[in-house]
Structure formats: C-alpha cells, structure tokens
C-alpha cells in the first residue's frame, strides 16, 4: 500500500469515527464534556502528520498523553497496525473521556493499545518503570507549563536515540492561539534550551529528538518484518 492509499484509508476511518460520535446516546451528547472534547481534539491535518510520522520512524513503544476523544489515537493505532508491530499506551485523566474514546475506537483493531486513566504524574512513572526505552511520544494533555516540563523531564531520558517527542500547541496555528497555549509556549521555550535537544517546528507542533541521533544501532523492525 502506498503512502497516499494509506492516508486515504485512515481518513475514511476518521470519518466513520466522527459519524459514530454523532450517533452516541443523547444523554452522552448532551453533556458539556462531549462538546468540549470535539472542540479540543487534534485536527485531522495534524493527526495525519502523526500517522505519517509513526509510519516513517516505525516505533516499538509509543505514549500518548491526552486521549481526549481518541482522534489522534486512531491515527497512531492505524499506523502501528500498518507497520505490523509496536504498541501504544494512551493516557487520559478524565474517566468519561477515556470511556468515550474506547467506544469510538471500536471501529479499529485496538490490540496494540492500552488505555490508562489518571494524570501524567500518576501514570507515566508506572509505564516507564517497565520500559527501557520509548520510541515515540505525543504530548497533548494538560496545557500547563509545570505539567509539560514534568512530562518532558521523565520521557526524554527514556527516549531512544532515534526516537521522537511531538508536543501539540506549542505555537499558534495559522495565527490562532488556543487554550493555555501561552503556558505551552513557555514550556517549549525552556525545552528548546535543554542540553542535547534537537528541535524543529511544524505548524502547531514542536518536535524533539536527541542531538546525537544519527543512525540506529538497533532495528525497529522485527526480523520477520524486515523488507527484502
């Protein structure tokens, strides 16, 4: 399957997921959280960027902070499924939001994903205790400077040397500044100055790698999955 075909395929899934969200029971749709989550989910264009990135770097271990309604989660899961390996832990502090995301994501194979409910302060140390390395992280949870700096501080030391951390909302997108983006920008400004950090910006995203990342010393692809 070509990149273009894969993109169309996941966009079709995204449309199905959006339709499913509109068909939820009225008692859920009427709750303020549903409108809030729809408004604050990562836009489709950004989700497609994450999808393509995960297909390119072929990660083994992925973490997403901020499941929300699961739109970005869908794109990450689909990329992992297309890669044929890799797993994702997605963290959401709101119990109802996590439950809605799992309901909506039932349209896709979720065997590679674990849903964790709690704050990043509560959940991240538990996950990282069991993992030697992390290959891909998407930070889009609580938009507070202190929280984001904590998340970076515990994730970066575990980041595989060819791994990537993506932070959402670190810059205004098309001139639009969103919820608590000021604190996100402050955190991003500090992170860019950290020793050893390589960074770039793409639309609303900040992208982080380790400075010595040049060539992989191990393959992300299992032996049985290597291309000939």
C-alpha atoms as a PDB file:
ATOM      1  CA  UNK A   1       0.000   0.000   0.000  1.00  0.00           C
ATOM      2  CA  UNK A   2       1.343   3.412  -0.971  1.00  0.00           C
ATOM      3  CA  UNK A   3       1.558   6.360   1.442  1.00  0.00           C
ATOM      4  CA  UNK A   4      -1.321   8.069  -0.403  1.00  0.00           C
ATOM      5  CA  UNK A   5      -3.507   4.950  -0.257  1.00  0.00           C
ATOM      6  CA  UNK A   6      -2.710   4.523   3.450  1.00  0.00           C
ATOM      7  CA  UNK A   7      -3.630   8.148   4.121  1.00  0.00           C
ATOM      8  CA  UNK A   8      -6.971   7.794   2.373  1.00  0.00           C
ATOM      9  CA  UNK A   9      -7.654   4.592   4.273  1.00  0.00           C
ATOM     10  CA  UNK A  10      -7.140   6.194   7.698  1.00  0.00           C
ATOM     11  CA  UNK A  11      -9.113   9.281   6.654  1.00  0.00           C
ATOM     12  CA  UNK A  12     -12.036   7.003   5.858  1.00  0.00           C
ATOM     13  CA  UNK A  13     -11.700   5.529   9.352  1.00  0.00           C
ATOM     14  CA  UNK A  14     -11.664   9.020  10.814  1.00  0.00           C
ATOM     15  CA  UNK A  15     -14.899   9.889   9.018  1.00  0.00           C
ATOM     16  CA  UNK A  16     -16.502   6.702  10.359  1.00  0.00           C
ATOM     17  CA  UNK A  17     -15.339   7.598  13.852  1.00  0.00           C
ATOM     18  CA  UNK A  18     -16.768  11.113  13.606  1.00  0.00           C
ATOM     19  CA  UNK A  19     -20.081   9.705  12.400  1.00  0.00           C
ATOM     20  CA  UNK A  20     -20.069   7.282  15.309  1.00  0.00           C
ATOM     21  CA  UNK A  21     -19.522  10.158  17.741  1.00  0.00           C
ATOM     22  CA  UNK A  22     -22.697  11.824  16.449  1.00  0.00           C
ATOM     23  CA  UNK A  23     -24.667   8.606  16.954  1.00  0.00           C
ATOM     24  CA  UNK A  24     -23.856   8.291  20.653  1.00  0.00           C
ATOM     25  CA  UNK A  25     -26.742   8.182  23.123  1.00  0.00           C
ATOM     26  CA  UNK A  26     -28.296  11.600  23.665  1.00  0.00           C
ATOM     27  CA  UNK A  27     -27.506  11.512  27.377  1.00  0.00           C
ATOM     28  CA  UNK A  28     -23.816  11.482  26.458  1.00  0.00           C
ATOM     29  CA  UNK A  29     -24.044  14.002  23.635  1.00  0.00           C
ATOM     30  CA  UNK A  30     -25.848  16.492  25.828  1.00  0.00           C
ATOM     31  CA  UNK A  31     -23.059  16.549  28.384  1.00  0.00           C
ATOM     32  CA  UNK A  32     -20.748  19.595  28.119  1.00  0.00           C
ATOM     33  CA  UNK A  33     -17.696  17.326  28.036  1.00  0.00           C
ATOM     34  CA  UNK A  34     -18.669  15.925  24.627  1.00  0.00           C
ATOM     35  CA  UNK A  35     -18.755  19.367  23.003  1.00  0.00           C
ATOM     36  CA  UNK A  36     -15.512  20.298  24.759  1.00  0.00           C
ATOM     37  CA  UNK A  37     -13.740  17.142  23.596  1.00  0.00           C
ATOM     38  CA  UNK A  38     -14.862  17.531  19.989  1.00  0.00           C
ATOM     39  CA  UNK A  39     -13.573  21.131  20.012  1.00  0.00           C
ATOM     40  CA  UNK A  40     -10.234  20.254  21.599  1.00  0.00           C
ATOM     41  CA  UNK A  41      -9.322  17.117  19.661  1.00  0.00           C
ATOM     42  CA  UNK A  42      -6.247  17.307  17.423  1.00  0.00           C
ATOM     43  CA  UNK A  43      -7.400  18.479  13.950  1.00  0.00           C
ATOM     44  CA  UNK A  44      -7.418  15.913  11.165  1.00  0.00           C
ATOM     45  CA  UNK A  45      -4.484  17.530   9.352  1.00  0.00           C
ATOM     46  CA  UNK A  46      -2.360  17.239  12.490  1.00  0.00           C
ATOM     47  CA  UNK A  47      -3.492  13.658  13.057  1.00  0.00           C
ATOM     48  CA  UNK A  48      -2.410  12.757   9.537  1.00  0.00           C
ATOM     49  CA  UNK A  49       1.028  14.243  10.264  1.00  0.00           C
ATOM     50  CA  UNK A  50       1.293  11.957  13.334  1.00  0.00           C
ATOM     51  CA  UNK A  51       0.155   8.981  11.258  1.00  0.00           C
ATOM     52  CA  UNK A  52       2.810   9.546   8.610  1.00  0.00           C
ATOM     53  CA  UNK A  53       5.488  10.141  11.243  1.00  0.00           C
ATOM     54  CA  UNK A  54       4.720   6.864  13.030  1.00  0.00           C
ATOM     55  CA  UNK A  55       4.827   5.007   9.728  1.00  0.00           C
ATOM     56  CA  UNK A  56       8.197   6.605   8.933  1.00  0.00           C
ATOM     57  CA  UNK A  57      10.020   6.007  12.243  1.00  0.00           C
ATOM     58  CA  UNK A  58       8.403   2.576  12.890  1.00  0.00           C
ATOM     59  CA  UNK A  59       8.387   2.763  16.707  1.00  0.00           C
ATOM     60  CA  UNK A  60       8.113  -0.155  19.118  1.00  0.00           C
ATOM     61  CA  UNK A  61       6.882   1.714  22.199  1.00  0.00           C
ATOM     62  CA  UNK A  62       4.613   4.763  21.951  1.00  0.00           C
ATOM     63  CA  UNK A  63       2.996   7.001  24.553  1.00  0.00           C
ATOM     64  CA  UNK A  64       0.197   9.486  24.014  1.00  0.00           C
ATOM     65  CA  UNK A  65      -0.700  11.963  26.771  1.00  0.00           C
ATOM     66  CA  UNK A  66      -4.235  13.275  26.320  1.00  0.00           C
ATOM     67  CA  UNK A  67      -6.504  10.660  24.721  1.00  0.00           C
ATOM     68  CA  UNK A  68      -9.419  13.114  24.523  1.00  0.00           C
ATOM     69  CA  UNK A  69     -11.978  11.501  22.164  1.00  0.00           C
ATOM     70  CA  UNK A  70      -9.309   9.333  20.559  1.00  0.00           C
ATOM     71  CA  UNK A  71      -8.997  11.007  17.146  1.00  0.00           C
ATOM     72  CA  UNK A  72      -5.202  11.291  17.304  1.00  0.00           C
ATOM     73  CA  UNK A  73      -5.138   7.854  18.949  1.00  0.00           C
ATOM     74  CA  UNK A  74      -6.907   6.412  15.904  1.00  0.00           C
ATOM     75  CA  UNK A  75      -4.231   7.691  13.534  1.00  0.00           C
ATOM     76  CA  UNK A  76      -1.405   6.382  15.721  1.00  0.00           C
ATOM     77  CA  UNK A  77      -3.050   2.961  16.119  1.00  0.00           C
ATOM     78  CA  UNK A  78      -3.688   2.687  12.388  1.00  0.00           C
ATOM     79  CA  UNK A  79      -0.047   3.498  11.618  1.00  0.00           C
ATOM     80  CA  UNK A  80       1.142   0.844  14.084  1.00  0.00           C
ATOM     81  CA  UNK A  81      -1.256  -1.692  12.576  1.00  0.00           C
ATOM     82  CA  UNK A  82       0.054  -0.895   9.103  1.00  0.00           C
ATOM     83  CA  UNK A  83       3.645  -1.245  10.381  1.00  0.00           C
ATOM     84  CA  UNK A  84       2.741  -4.670  11.751  1.00  0.00           C
ATOM     85  CA  UNK A  85       4.293  -4.136  15.189  1.00  0.00           C
ATOM     86  CA  UNK A  86       4.548  -1.639  18.029  1.00  0.00           C
ATOM     87  CA  UNK A  87       2.343  -0.756  20.968  1.00  0.00           C
ATOM     88  CA  UNK A  88       0.730   2.391  22.356  1.00  0.00           C
ATOM     89  CA  UNK A  89      -0.221   3.495  25.847  1.00  0.00           C
ATOM     90  CA  UNK A  90      -2.621   6.439  25.789  1.00  0.00           C
ATOM     91  CA  UNK A  91      -3.231   8.428  28.978  1.00  0.00           C
ATOM     92  CA  UNK A  92      -6.345  10.415  29.846  1.00  0.00           C
ATOM     93  CA  UNK A  93      -7.096  11.951  33.233  1.00  0.00           C
ATOM     94  CA  UNK A  94     -10.852  12.118  32.624  1.00  0.00           C
ATOM     95  CA  UNK A  95     -12.627   8.790  33.139  1.00  0.00           C
ATOM     96  CA  UNK A  96     -15.586   9.692  30.928  1.00  0.00           C
ATOM     97  CA  UNK A  97     -13.369  10.888  28.094  1.00  0.00           C
ATOM     98  CA  UNK A  98     -11.350   7.669  28.122  1.00  0.00           C
ATOM     99  CA  UNK A  99     -14.541   5.605  28.051  1.00  0.00           C
ATOM    100  CA  UNK A 100     -15.918   7.587  25.107  1.00  0.00           C
ATOM    101  CA  UNK A 101     -12.646   7.191  23.223  1.00  0.00           C
ATOM    102  CA  UNK A 102     -12.688   3.426  23.706  1.00  0.00           C
ATOM    103  CA  UNK A 103     -16.291   3.322  22.469  1.00  0.00           C
ATOM    104  CA  UNK A 104     -15.447   5.323  19.354  1.00  0.00           C
ATOM    105  CA  UNK A 105     -12.239   3.400  18.636  1.00  0.00           C
ATOM    106  CA  UNK A 106     -14.112   0.104  18.464  1.00  0.00           C
ATOM    107  CA  UNK A 107     -14.092   0.583  14.671  1.00  0.00           C
ATOM    108  CA  UNK A 108     -10.365  -0.274  14.588  1.00  0.00           C
ATOM    109  CA  UNK A 109      -8.183  -3.125  15.860  1.00  0.00           C
ATOM    110  CA  UNK A 110      -7.189  -1.998  19.358  1.00  0.00           C
ATOM    111  CA  UNK A 111      -4.972  -4.960  20.245  1.00  0.00           C
ATOM    112  CA  UNK A 112      -1.880  -2.711  20.231  1.00  0.00           C
ATOM    113  CA  UNK A 113      -3.232  -0.045  22.613  1.00  0.00           C
ATOM    114  CA  UNK A 114      -3.687   0.249  26.365  1.00  0.00           C
ATOM    115  CA  UNK A 115      -5.881   2.940  27.893  1.00  0.00           C
ATOM    116  CA  UNK A 116      -4.695   4.406  31.184  1.00  0.00           C
ATOM    117  CA  UNK A 117      -6.823   6.747  33.315  1.00  0.00           C
ATOM    118  CA  UNK A 118      -5.043   9.252  35.547  1.00  0.00           C
ATOM    119  CA  UNK A 119      -2.760  12.260  35.395  1.00  0.00           C
ATOM    120  CA  UNK A 120       0.627  12.041  33.731  1.00  0.00           C
ATOM    121  CA  UNK A 121       2.203  12.460  37.179  1.00  0.00           C
ATOM    122  CA  UNK A 122       0.373   9.322  38.311  1.00  0.00           C
ATOM    123  CA  UNK A 123       0.644   7.138  35.215  1.00  0.00           C
ATOM    124  CA  UNK A 124       3.914   7.953  33.423  1.00  0.00           C
ATOM    125  CA  UNK A 125       6.290   6.688  36.162  1.00  0.00           C
ATOM    126  CA  UNK A 126       4.372   3.396  36.256  1.00  0.00           C
ATOM    127  CA  UNK A 127       4.699   2.925  32.480  1.00  0.00           C
ATOM    128  CA  UNK A 128       8.336   3.967  32.257  1.00  0.00           C
ATOM    129  CA  UNK A 129       9.312   1.660  35.101  1.00  0.00           C
ATOM    130  CA  UNK A 130       8.567  -1.279  32.785  1.00  0.00           C
ATOM    131  CA  UNK A 131      10.087   0.181  29.592  1.00  0.00           C
ATOM    132  CA  UNK A 132      13.799   0.590  28.922  1.00  0.00           C
ATOM    133  CA  UNK A 133      13.148   2.945  26.012  1.00  0.00           C
ATOM    134  CA  UNK A 134      10.377   4.941  24.394  1.00  0.00           C
ATOM    135  CA  UNK A 135      10.361   5.476  20.636  1.00  0.00           C
ATOM    136  CA  UNK A 136       7.508   7.913  20.073  1.00  0.00           C
ATOM    137  CA  UNK A 137       5.642  10.276  22.418  1.00  0.00           C
ATOM    138  CA  UNK A 138       2.775  12.630  21.683  1.00  0.00           C
ATOM    139  CA  UNK A 139       2.218  15.231  24.414  1.00  0.00           C
ATOM    140  CA  UNK A 140      -1.227  16.837  24.226  1.00  0.00           C
ATOM    141  CA  UNK A 141      -2.608  16.625  27.743  1.00  0.00           C
ATOM    142  CA  UNK A 142      -2.860  19.298  30.395  1.00  0.00           C
ATOM    143  CA  UNK A 143      -1.630  22.549  28.849  1.00  0.00           C
ATOM    144  CA  UNK A 144       0.193  23.790  31.918  1.00  0.00           C
ATOM    145  CA  UNK A 145       3.866  24.668  31.946  1.00  0.00           C
ATOM    146  CA  UNK A 146       4.686  22.714  35.101  1.00  0.00           C
ATOM    147  CA  UNK A 147       2.932  19.583  33.805  1.00  0.00           C
ATOM    148  CA  UNK A 148       4.535  19.713  30.359  1.00  0.00           C
ATOM    149  CA  UNK A 149       8.014  20.196  31.817  1.00  0.00           C
ATOM    150  CA  UNK A 150       7.416  17.213  34.105  1.00  0.00           C
ATOM    151  CA  UNK A 151       6.317  15.075  31.148  1.00  0.00           C
ATOM    152  CA  UNK A 152       9.351  16.057  29.100  1.00  0.00           C
ATOM    153  CA  UNK A 153      11.620  15.526  32.109  1.00  0.00           C
ATOM    154  CA  UNK A 154      10.598  11.914  32.617  1.00  0.00           C
ATOM    155  CA  UNK A 155      10.185  10.997  28.940  1.00  0.00           C
ATOM    156  CA  UNK A 156      13.362  12.471  27.441  1.00  0.00           C
ATOM    157  CA  UNK A 157      15.839  10.314  29.427  1.00  0.00           C
ATOM    158  CA  UNK A 158      13.942   7.237  28.209  1.00  0.00           C
ATOM    159  CA  UNK A 159      13.788   8.388  24.603  1.00  0.00           C
ATOM    160  CA  UNK A 160      15.519   6.023  22.196  1.00  0.00           C
ATOM    161  CA  UNK A 161      18.298   7.836  20.369  1.00  0.00           C
ATOM    162  CA  UNK A 162      16.297   7.830  17.125  1.00  0.00           C
ATOM    163  CA  UNK A 163      13.011   8.412  18.933  1.00  0.00           C
ATOM    164  CA  UNK A 164      10.786  11.474  18.669  1.00  0.00           C
ATOM    165  CA  UNK A 165       8.651  13.515  21.061  1.00  0.00           C
ATOM    166  CA  UNK A 166       5.885  15.608  19.499  1.00  0.00           C
ATOM    167  CA  UNK A 167       4.276  18.397  21.532  1.00  0.00           C
ATOM    168  CA  UNK A 168       0.993  19.937  20.407  1.00  0.00           C
ATOM    169  CA  UNK A 169       0.003  23.604  20.597  1.00  0.00           C
ATOM    170  CA  UNK A 170       3.474  24.988  21.235  1.00  0.00           C
ATOM    171  CA  UNK A 171       2.890  27.643  18.581  1.00  0.00           C
ATOM    172  CA  UNK A 172      -0.284  29.271  17.318  1.00  0.00           C
ATOM    173  CA  UNK A 173      -1.721  27.508  14.257  1.00  0.00           C
ATOM    174  CA  UNK A 174      -2.478  29.936  11.395  1.00  0.00           C
ATOM    175  CA  UNK A 175      -2.267  32.730  13.938  1.00  0.00           C
ATOM    176  CA  UNK A 176      -4.858  31.199  16.258  1.00  0.00           C
ATOM    177  CA  UNK A 177      -3.843  30.894  19.910  1.00  0.00           C
ATOM    178  CA  UNK A 178      -5.787  28.279  21.846  1.00  0.00           C
ATOM    179  CA  UNK A 179      -6.427  27.133  25.401  1.00  0.00           C
ATOM    180  CA  UNK A 180      -3.418  27.758  27.674  1.00  0.00           C
ATOM    181  CA  UNK A 181      -1.131  27.957  24.635  1.00  0.00           C
ATOM    182  CA  UNK A 182       0.815  30.669  26.476  1.00  0.00           C
ATOM    183  CA  UNK A 183       1.977  28.133  29.044  1.00  0.00           C
ATOM    184  CA  UNK A 184       2.716  25.626  26.287  1.00  0.00           C
ATOM    185  CA  UNK A 185       4.893  28.181  24.518  1.00  0.00           C
ATOM    186  CA  UNK A 186       6.717  28.987  27.743  1.00  0.00           C
ATOM    187  CA  UNK A 187       7.430  25.303  28.349  1.00  0.00           C
ATOM    188  CA  UNK A 188       8.521  24.875  24.729  1.00  0.00           C
ATOM    189  CA  UNK A 189      10.930  27.823  25.020  1.00  0.00           C
ATOM    190  CA  UNK A 190      12.608  26.184  28.031  1.00  0.00           C
ATOM    191  CA  UNK A 191      12.758  22.746  26.433  1.00  0.00           C
ATOM    192  CA  UNK A 192      14.487  24.104  23.318  1.00  0.00           C
ATOM    193  CA  UNK A 193      17.330  25.298  25.538  1.00  0.00           C
ATOM    194  CA  UNK A 194      17.865  21.923  27.221  1.00  0.00           C
ATOM    195  CA  UNK A 195      21.270  20.348  26.642  1.00  0.00           C
ATOM    196  CA  UNK A 196      21.325  17.749  23.892  1.00  0.00           C
ATOM    197  CA  UNK A 197      17.887  18.626  22.498  1.00  0.00           C
ATOM    198  CA  UNK A 198      17.366  18.854  18.747  1.00  0.00           C
ATOM    199  CA  UNK A 199      14.111  20.568  17.882  1.00  0.00           C
ATOM    200  CA  UNK A 200      12.027  21.697  14.950  1.00  0.00           C
ATOM    201  CA  UNK A 201       8.545  23.121  14.453  1.00  0.00           C
ATOM    202  CA  UNK A 202       5.800  22.012  12.112  1.00  0.00           C
ATOM    203  CA  UNK A 203       2.588  24.042  12.080  1.00  0.00           C
ATOM    204  CA  UNK A 204       1.308  23.786  15.691  1.00  0.00           C
ATOM    205  CA  UNK A 205       3.758  21.033  16.703  1.00  0.00           C
ATOM    206  CA  UNK A 206       7.126  21.083  18.423  1.00  0.00           C
ATOM    207  CA  UNK A 207       9.305  18.096  17.512  1.00  0.00           C
ATOM    208  CA  UNK A 208      12.137  16.841  19.725  1.00  0.00           C
ATOM    209  CA  UNK A 209      14.991  14.430  19.086  1.00  0.00           C
ATOM    210  CA  UNK A 210      18.291  13.768  20.837  1.00  0.00           C
ATOM    211  CA  UNK A 211      21.237  15.635  19.366  1.00  0.00           C
ATOM    212  CA  UNK A 212      23.388  12.547  18.856  1.00  0.00           C
ATOM    213  CA  UNK A 213      20.652  10.809  16.865  1.00  0.00           C
ATOM    214  CA  UNK A 214      22.265   9.933  13.534  1.00  0.00           C
ATOM    215  CA  UNK A 215      21.961   6.223  12.831  1.00  0.00           C
ATOM    216  CA  UNK A 216      20.076   3.474  14.631  1.00  0.00           C
ATOM    217  CA  UNK A 217      22.122   0.847  16.416  1.00  0.00           C
ATOM    218  CA  UNK A 218      19.122  -1.465  16.521  1.00  0.00           C
ATOM    219  CA  UNK A 219      16.314  -2.040  14.076  1.00  0.00           C
ATOM    220  CA  UNK A 220      12.767  -1.056  14.964  1.00  0.00           C
ATOM    221  CA  UNK A 221      11.632  -3.826  12.638  1.00  0.00           C
ATOM    222  CA  UNK A 222      11.409  -7.414  13.938  1.00  0.00           C
ATOM    223  CA  UNK A 223      13.472  -9.820  11.847  1.00  0.00           C
ATOM    224  CA  UNK A 224      10.338 -11.392  10.419  1.00  0.00           C
ATOM    225  CA  UNK A 225       9.054  -7.955   9.403  1.00  0.00           C
ATOM    226  CA  UNK A 226      12.092  -6.619   7.567  1.00  0.00           C
ATOM    227  CA  UNK A 227      11.584  -5.665   3.971  1.00  0.00           C
ATOM    228  CA  UNK A 228      13.619  -7.580   1.440  1.00  0.00           C
END
